[in-house]
Amino acid sequence: MQHLFNFKTLATITLLLGGVGLSASAQDQKVFQGMEHLFTLPKGYVVQYTAQPLTMDGNLRESAWQQAPWTSDFVDIEGAAKPLPTYQTRVKMLWNDSTLFIAATLQEPHIWAYQTHHDDIIYKDNDFEVFIDPDDNTHQYFEVEVNALNKIFDLFLPKPYRNHGDALISWDVAGLRSGVSINGTLNQPKDQDKSWTVEMAIPLKAVRMGFPFNAPTEGTLWRINFSRVEWDTRAANGNYVKQQDAAGKDLPEHNWVWSPQGVINMHYPERWGYLQFTRQAKAPAFELPTSELRRRYLWLVYYRQQQYREKNGRYAASLAELNIAPQVDVAGKSNQLALLATPEQFTATLAASGAATLRINNEGLVETVK
């Protein structure tokens, strides 16, 4: 998985073929052909409000936790193209006026962790990871990792690595509380364990950088995803060691996630799931806003522009060069795509009568045009 600086090129990513399309419509099958893995619908979770105090010990004994629904089980990061994970992972969430609460249970027959300091590279161990983009614009987002020792690696990304973003590792989640409970024994290869559970309280104000804090209201939508890194290990001299290939290199880690990315890279925030806030006692079913369906066409321009530049050394000057029609239908309404481009930069907009105009640039920043 790409975490800091080891990332795949967009050329490799955009050559992905096959998979399950976003919908069965003839338009979608044609428009997204060759990039279906990048246009499957992200998952959604409606997080319920609680006034109950919660103890961050990983035990989830409070009645509020008992009533909160679990997400679906994690799948491979690439989605349906890959086998289901060996072990179950699932998450549940709650919130109050100041805090987002996250709990995750990870089935695991061998629980181990050797990273012992804050801001160690925690994904060198088996870990659980949280990714949050409160603005849903793919920039200014946050990552928190935790291992079975409850050691934290937290960082801020001004923009994704693919757009030359540089992680701010010195950033910490101010006021973070977390706890881990282990159903088994830590770092004991001779026995079999069952699972470990993570519980964390993330202050809402902490996941803002340089912006005024606005508390969620009914229906507020964030982007969020969760990842589990799982290494293949063996026992040696009373410790767990990573299995290696014939050349002596560690075998690649498994990457299991809640909402599939479609590519082995968590730093595609547009592929994360949706978190919708509610105060209703009975949470409504999650429904994807039409504005999010419209964004898909901006991302189509973005992906094809990256692919075009990789091949031609410049961005395309027109939609025609990208084989994208300037008019698309979304939820029964006509939308007009427009592209302004130089060899080094571009901006694409999507306009429709009675709807906000949306815009994306060559760095993948998505905005509503005021």
Protein backbone atom coordinates (compact mmCIF):
# COMPACT_ATOMS: atom_id res chain seq x y z
CA MET A 1 0.00 0.00 0.00
CA GLN A 2 1.18 3.53 -0.69
CA HIS A 3 1.62 5.39 2.57
CA LEU A 4 4.39 7.94 2.31
CA PHE A 5 6.50 8.01 -0.82
CA ASN A 6 6.21 4.56 -2.45
CA PHE A 7 3.41 5.04 -4.93
CA LYS A 8 2.27 3.66 -8.28
CA THR A 9 1.99 5.86 -11.31
CA LEU A 10 -1.33 6.93 -12.68
CA ALA A 11 -0.41 5.27 -15.95
CA THR A 12 -0.46 1.88 -14.23
CA ILE A 13 -3.69 2.68 -12.44
CA THR A 14 -5.61 3.86 -15.45
CA LEU A 15 -4.81 0.69 -17.37
CA LEU A 16 -7.05 -1.28 -15.02
CA LEU A 17 -9.68 -3.09 -17.04
CA GLY A 18 -12.86 -5.00 -16.27
CA GLY A 19 -14.66 -5.11 -12.94
CA VAL A 20 -18.14 -4.08 -11.98
CA GLY A 21 -19.48 -0.84 -13.43
CA LEU A 22 -21.28 1.83 -11.46
CA SER A 23 -24.61 1.08 -13.02
CA ALA A 24 -26.14 -1.08 -15.69
CA SER A 25 -26.97 1.84 -17.98
CA ALA A 26 -25.55 1.77 -21.48
CA GLN A 27 -24.20 5.28 -20.96
CA ASP A 28 -22.17 4.30 -17.92
CA GLN A 29 -20.86 1.12 -19.51
CA LYS A 30 -19.56 3.12 -22.45
CA VAL A 31 -18.38 6.29 -20.67
CA PHE A 32 -16.37 4.53 -17.96
CA GLN A 33 -15.11 1.66 -20.09
CA GLY A 34 -11.58 0.68 -19.09
CA MET A 35 -11.85 2.42 -15.72
CA GLU A 36 -14.72 0.54 -14.10
CA HIS A 37 -12.74 -0.23 -10.95
CA LEU A 38 -12.45 3.50 -10.26
CA PHE A 39 -16.18 4.14 -10.59
CA THR A 40 -17.86 1.57 -8.36
CA LEU A 41 -20.14 3.23 -5.82
CA PRO A 42 -18.40 3.92 -2.48
CA LYS A 43 -20.17 2.63 0.62
CA GLY A 44 -22.07 4.86 3.05
CA TYR A 45 -22.61 4.85 6.82
CA VAL A 46 -25.12 6.99 8.73
CA VAL A 47 -23.55 7.77 12.11
CA GLN A 48 -25.94 8.27 15.02
CA TYR A 49 -25.68 10.84 17.78
CA THR A 50 -25.09 9.80 21.39
CA ALA A 51 -25.10 11.70 24.65
CA GLN A 52 -23.72 8.72 26.56
CA PRO A 53 -20.15 8.99 27.93
CA LEU A 54 -17.90 6.39 26.29
CA THR A 55 -14.77 4.93 27.85
CA MET A 56 -11.97 4.40 25.34
CA ASP A 57 -10.84 0.97 26.50
CA GLY A 58 -11.68 -1.19 23.48
CA ASN A 59 -14.41 -3.12 25.29
CA LEU A 60 -17.53 -1.46 23.75
CA ARG A 61 -19.66 -2.22 26.80
CA GLU A 62 -21.82 0.92 26.65
CA SER A 63 -25.40 0.56 25.42
CA ALA A 64 -24.78 3.16 22.71
CA TRP A 65 -22.12 0.92 21.21
CA GLN A 66 -24.37 -2.10 21.48
CA GLN A 67 -27.04 -0.31 19.43
CA ALA A 68 -24.73 1.15 16.78
CA PRO A 69 -24.68 -0.90 13.57
CA TRP A 70 -21.56 -2.55 12.21
CA THR A 71 -20.36 -1.76 8.74
CA SER A 72 -20.20 -4.55 6.21
CA ASP A 73 -17.11 -6.73 6.49
CA PHE A 74 -13.91 -5.41 4.94
CA VAL A 75 -12.95 -6.52 1.45
CA ASP A 76 -9.74 -6.45 -0.56
CA ILE A 77 -8.59 -2.93 -1.42
CA GLU A 78 -9.04 -3.69 -5.14
CA GLY A 79 -12.62 -4.83 -4.62
CA ALA A 80 -14.46 -7.69 -6.25
CA ALA A 81 -11.52 -8.48 -8.55
CA LYS A 82 -9.69 -10.05 -5.59
CA PRO A 83 -10.58 -12.79 -3.05
CA LEU A 84 -12.26 -11.86 0.20
CA PRO A 85 -9.98 -11.31 3.22
CA THR A 86 -8.95 -14.26 5.35
CA TYR A 87 -10.09 -12.62 8.58
CA GLN A 88 -13.11 -10.50 9.39
CA THR A 89 -12.78 -6.77 10.07
CA ARG A 90 -15.66 -4.38 10.70
CA VAL A 91 -16.30 -0.93 12.15
CA LYS A 92 -19.03 1.01 13.92
CA MET A 93 -19.26 4.73 14.70
CA LEU A 94 -21.03 7.26 16.92
CA TRP A 95 -20.74 11.02 17.41
CA ASN A 96 -21.59 13.84 19.78
CA ASP A 97 -21.20 17.63 19.56
CA SER A 98 -17.44 17.46 19.97
CA THR A 99 -16.27 13.98 18.96
CA LEU A 100 -16.37 11.24 16.35
CA PHE A 101 -16.15 7.81 17.97
CA ILE A 102 -14.80 4.85 15.99
CA ALA A 103 -14.63 1.20 17.02
CA ALA A 104 -13.16 -1.65 15.00
CA THR A 105 -12.86 -5.37 15.68
CA LEU A 106 -10.18 -7.32 13.84
CA GLN A 107 -10.31 -11.10 13.83
CA GLU A 108 -6.74 -12.35 14.21
CA PRO A 109 -5.28 -15.73 15.27
CA HIS A 110 -1.83 -14.23 15.91
CA ILE A 111 -1.76 -10.79 17.50
CA TRP A 112 1.59 -9.00 17.46
CA ALA A 113 3.02 -5.48 17.45
CA TYR A 114 6.61 -4.24 17.68
CA GLN A 115 6.34 -0.50 16.93
CA THR A 116 6.50 1.06 20.37
CA HIS A 117 6.65 4.85 19.90
CA HIS A 118 4.27 7.55 18.77
CA ASP A 119 4.71 8.28 15.05
CA ASP A 120 6.66 5.10 14.42
CA ILE A 121 5.75 3.76 10.98
CA ILE A 122 2.88 1.77 12.43
CA TYR A 123 1.95 -0.05 9.21
CA LYS A 124 5.19 -2.02 9.60
CA ASP A 125 3.00 -3.94 12.05
CA ASN A 126 -0.46 -5.30 11.42
CA ASP A 127 -2.56 -2.21 11.97
CA PHE A 128 -5.91 -0.44 11.66
CA GLU A 129 -6.09 2.86 9.78
CA VAL A 130 -8.58 5.73 9.53
CA PHE A 131 -8.72 8.25 6.67
CA ILE A 132 -10.90 11.37 6.96
CA ASP A 133 -11.69 14.17 4.50
CA PRO A 134 -14.26 16.45 6.18
CA ASP A 135 -14.52 18.79 3.17
CA ASP A 136 -15.00 16.09 0.52
CA ASN A 137 -12.59 17.89 -1.81
CA THR A 138 -9.71 15.31 -1.75
CA HIS A 139 -7.34 17.87 -0.21
CA GLN A 140 -6.55 18.69 3.45
CA TYR A 141 -7.24 15.21 4.79
CA PHE A 142 -6.09 13.16 7.75
CA GLU A 143 -4.78 9.68 8.50
CA VAL A 144 -4.56 7.86 11.85
CA GLU A 145 -2.98 4.43 12.30
CA VAL A 146 -2.94 2.25 15.41
CA ASN A 147 -1.42 -1.13 16.26
CA ALA A 148 -2.25 -3.68 18.94
CA LEU A 149 -0.01 -1.81 21.41
CA ASN A 150 -2.27 1.25 20.96
CA LYS A 151 0.62 3.20 19.43
CA ILE A 152 -0.47 5.97 17.06
CA PHE A 153 0.89 7.27 13.76
CA ASP A 154 -1.09 10.36 12.69
CA LEU A 155 -0.48 12.66 9.75
CA PHE A 156 -1.98 15.44 7.67
CA LEU A 157 -1.96 15.56 3.87
CA PRO A 158 -2.41 18.94 2.13
CA LYS A 159 -3.09 16.96 -1.07
CA PRO A 160 -2.57 13.37 -2.24
CA TYR A 161 0.91 12.03 -2.98
CA ARG A 162 -0.06 11.62 -6.67
CA ASN A 163 -0.38 15.43 -6.78
CA HIS A 164 2.97 15.89 -5.01
CA GLY A 165 1.47 16.26 -1.57
CA ASP A 166 3.95 16.05 1.31
CA ALA A 167 2.78 14.39 4.52
CA LEU A 168 2.98 16.47 7.69
CA ILE A 169 3.96 13.78 10.17
CA SER A 170 4.51 16.31 12.97
CA TRP A 171 0.74 16.92 13.02
CA ASP A 172 -1.05 15.13 15.86
CA VAL A 173 -4.75 14.60 16.53
CA ALA A 174 -5.14 17.06 19.38
CA GLY A 175 -7.10 15.44 22.20
CA LEU A 176 -7.22 11.96 20.65
CA ARG A 177 -8.23 9.21 23.06
CA SER A 178 -7.82 5.56 22.12
CA GLY A 179 -7.81 2.11 23.64
CA VAL A 180 -7.17 -1.45 22.54
CA SER A 181 -8.46 -4.69 24.04
CA ILE A 182 -6.97 -8.04 23.05
CA ASN A 183 -8.87 -11.32 23.00
CA GLY A 184 -5.75 -13.42 23.26
CA THR A 185 -2.12 -12.78 24.16
CA LEU A 186 0.19 -10.25 22.51
CA ASN A 187 3.43 -11.39 20.89
CA GLN A 188 3.06 -15.05 21.86
CA PRO A 189 3.42 -17.25 18.75
CA LYS A 190 2.86 -20.49 20.66
CA ASP A 191 -0.86 -19.91 21.20
CA GLN A 192 -3.84 -18.91 19.08
CA ASP A 193 -5.65 -15.61 19.58
CA LYS A 194 -9.12 -14.53 18.52
CA SER A 195 -9.28 -10.78 17.88
CA TRP A 196 -8.31 -7.28 18.91
CA THR A 197 -10.60 -4.28 19.21
CA VAL A 198 -9.72 -0.63 18.72
CA GLU A 199 -11.74 2.24 20.15
CA MET A 200 -10.92 5.88 19.49
CA ALA A 201 -12.41 9.30 20.13
CA ILE A 202 -11.38 11.89 17.53
CA PRO A 203 -12.23 15.51 18.44
CA LEU A 204 -14.12 17.06 15.54
CA LYS A 205 -12.08 20.26 15.83
CA ALA A 206 -8.86 18.27 15.41
CA VAL A 207 -9.64 17.27 11.83
CA ARG A 208 -9.59 20.83 10.58
CA MET A 209 -6.50 22.60 9.32
CA GLY A 210 -6.62 26.34 8.82
CA PHE A 211 -10.40 26.52 8.51
CA PRO A 212 -13.08 27.67 10.97
CA PHE A 213 -14.68 24.73 12.72
CA ASN A 214 -18.26 24.03 11.76
CA ALA A 215 -19.95 21.29 13.76
CA PRO A 216 -21.84 18.70 11.69
CA THR A 217 -25.55 19.31 11.24
CA GLU A 218 -28.29 16.95 10.13
CA GLY A 219 -27.16 15.31 6.91
CA THR A 220 -23.58 16.67 6.91
CA LEU A 221 -21.45 14.48 4.65
CA TRP A 222 -17.80 13.58 5.18
CA ARG A 223 -15.56 11.16 3.30
CA ILE A 224 -14.03 8.37 5.34
CA ASN A 225 -12.40 5.02 4.85
CA PHE A 226 -10.70 2.37 6.93
CA SER A 227 -7.83 0.08 6.09
CA ARG A 228 -6.30 -2.95 7.72
CA VAL A 229 -2.70 -3.92 6.94
CA GLU A 230 -2.05 -7.63 7.44
CA TRP A 231 1.38 -9.24 7.01
CA ASP A 232 2.12 -12.92 6.44
CA THR A 233 4.31 -14.05 9.34
CA ARG A 234 5.95 -17.10 10.86
CA ALA A 235 7.32 -17.86 14.30
CA ALA A 236 11.09 -17.64 14.84
CA ASN A 237 12.91 -17.63 18.19
CA GLY A 238 9.75 -16.75 20.08
CA ASN A 239 8.87 -13.80 17.84
CA TYR A 240 6.80 -13.14 14.77
CA VAL A 241 8.81 -12.43 11.62
CA LYS A 242 7.51 -11.54 8.19
CA GLN A 243 7.56 -14.21 5.55
CA GLN A 244 9.92 -13.53 2.65
CA ASP A 245 10.28 -14.49 -0.98
CA ALA A 246 13.21 -16.38 -2.51
CA ALA A 247 15.18 -13.13 -2.81
CA GLY A 248 14.84 -12.42 0.92
CA LYS A 249 12.30 -9.60 0.47
CA ASP A 250 9.25 -9.34 2.73
CA LEU A 251 6.11 -10.63 1.04
CA PRO A 252 3.68 -7.82 0.16
CA GLU A 253 1.18 -6.93 2.86
CA HIS A 254 -2.54 -7.60 2.48
CA ASN A 255 -4.70 -4.47 2.33
CA TRP A 256 -8.28 -4.91 3.50
CA VAL A 257 -10.68 -1.97 3.51
CA TRP A 258 -14.27 -1.01 4.21
CA SER A 259 -15.06 0.70 0.90
CA PRO A 260 -12.93 -0.70 -1.95
CA GLN A 261 -10.53 1.71 -3.61
CA GLY A 262 -10.27 -0.18 -6.89
CA VAL A 263 -6.50 0.30 -6.79
CA ILE A 264 -3.76 -0.51 -4.27
CA ASN A 265 -3.58 3.03 -2.94
CA MET A 266 -5.50 4.51 -0.03
CA HIS A 267 -4.61 8.03 -1.12
CA TYR A 268 -7.41 8.35 -3.63
CA PRO A 269 -9.83 10.23 -1.33
CA GLU A 270 -12.51 10.36 -4.03
CA ARG A 271 -12.78 6.58 -3.64
CA TRP A 272 -13.44 6.65 0.11
CA GLY A 273 -16.81 5.87 1.64
CA TYR A 274 -19.36 8.40 2.88
CA LEU A 275 -20.07 9.32 6.49
CA GLN A 276 -23.42 11.04 7.03
CA PHE A 277 -24.29 12.59 10.40
CA THR A 278 -27.74 12.36 11.96
CA ARG A 279 -29.40 13.16 15.28
CA GLN A 280 -32.48 11.12 14.49
CA ALA A 281 -33.20 8.31 16.93
CA LYS A 282 -33.82 6.00 14.00
CA ALA A 283 -31.11 6.60 11.45
CA PRO A 284 -32.33 7.05 7.88
CA ALA A 285 -30.92 4.85 5.14
CA PHE A 286 -27.94 6.37 3.38
CA GLU A 287 -28.73 7.91 0.00
CA LEU A 288 -26.00 9.22 -2.25
CA PRO A 289 -26.64 12.87 -3.17
CA THR A 290 -26.99 13.63 -6.87
CA SER A 291 -24.07 16.05 -6.57
CA GLU A 292 -21.80 13.09 -5.82
CA LEU A 293 -23.06 11.25 -8.90
CA ARG A 294 -22.26 14.34 -10.96
CA ARG A 295 -18.69 14.42 -9.68
CA ARG A 296 -17.96 11.12 -11.38
CA TYR A 297 -17.73 12.91 -14.73
CA LEU A 298 -15.20 15.37 -13.41
CA TRP A 299 -13.12 12.46 -12.16
CA LEU A 300 -13.42 10.83 -15.57
CA VAL A 301 -11.84 13.95 -17.08
CA TYR A 302 -9.14 13.94 -14.39
CA TYR A 303 -8.16 10.27 -14.84
CA ARG A 304 -8.15 10.50 -18.62
CA GLN A 305 -6.11 13.68 -18.54
CA GLN A 306 -3.46 11.97 -16.40
CA GLN A 307 -3.44 9.03 -18.77
CA TYR A 308 -3.21 11.35 -21.78
CA ARG A 309 -0.31 13.32 -20.29
CA GLU A 310 1.57 10.14 -19.45
CA LYS A 311 1.36 9.13 -23.10
CA ASN A 312 1.74 12.51 -24.83
CA GLY A 313 3.74 14.66 -22.44
CA ARG A 314 0.97 17.26 -22.16
CA TYR A 315 -2.66 17.60 -21.14
CA ALA A 316 -5.36 17.31 -23.78
CA ALA A 317 -6.71 20.63 -25.00
CA SER A 318 -10.26 19.40 -25.59
CA LEU A 319 -12.78 16.84 -24.39
CA ALA A 320 -12.76 15.35 -27.88
CA GLU A 321 -9.09 14.37 -27.44
CA LEU A 322 -10.15 12.48 -24.32
CA ASN A 323 -13.11 10.82 -26.09
CA ILE A 324 -15.52 12.38 -23.59
CA ALA A 325 -18.85 13.82 -24.72
CA PRO A 326 -19.54 17.40 -23.57
CA GLN A 327 -23.09 16.54 -22.51
CA VAL A 328 -23.97 13.84 -19.98
CA ASP A 329 -27.18 12.83 -18.20
CA VAL A 330 -27.18 12.50 -14.42
CA ALA A 331 -30.36 11.47 -12.60
CA GLY A 332 -32.40 12.39 -15.67
CA LYS A 333 -30.94 15.87 -15.99
CA SER A 334 -28.63 17.15 -18.74
CA ASN A 335 -25.20 18.35 -17.59
CA GLN A 336 -22.65 20.26 -19.64
CA LEU A 337 -18.94 19.48 -19.34
CA ALA A 338 -16.37 22.11 -20.27
CA LEU A 339 -12.57 21.91 -20.33
CA LEU A 340 -9.99 24.70 -20.22
CA ALA A 341 -6.44 23.42 -20.61
CA THR A 342 -2.85 24.33 -21.34
CA PRO A 343 -0.14 21.70 -21.83
CA GLU A 344 0.64 21.93 -18.09
CA GLN A 345 -2.70 22.66 -16.39
CA PHE A 346 -6.42 22.14 -16.78
CA THR A 347 -9.76 22.92 -15.20
CA ALA A 348 -12.98 21.06 -15.96
CA THR A 349 -16.46 22.23 -14.96
CA LEU A 350 -19.86 20.53 -14.90
CA ALA A 351 -22.95 22.73 -15.10
CA ALA A 352 -26.66 21.92 -15.03
CA SER A 353 -29.81 24.01 -14.79
CA GLY A 354 -30.91 24.41 -11.17
CA ALA A 355 -27.75 22.81 -9.75
CA ALA A 356 -24.44 24.13 -8.48
CA THR A 357 -21.57 24.18 -10.97
CA LEU A 358 -18.77 21.81 -9.97
CA ARG A 359 -15.09 22.18 -10.85
CA ILE A 360 -11.95 20.02 -10.76
CA ASN A 361 -8.36 20.98 -11.56
CA ASN A 362 -5.23 19.08 -12.54
CA GLU A 363 -4.39 18.49 -8.85
CA GLY A 364 -7.72 16.77 -8.23
CA LEU A 365 -9.15 19.59 -6.12
CA VAL A 366 -12.94 19.50 -6.36
CA GLU A 367 -14.91 22.66 -5.62
CA THR A 368 -18.36 24.15 -5.95
CA VAL A 369 -18.24 27.28 -8.09
CA LYS A 370 -19.72 30.15 -6.11
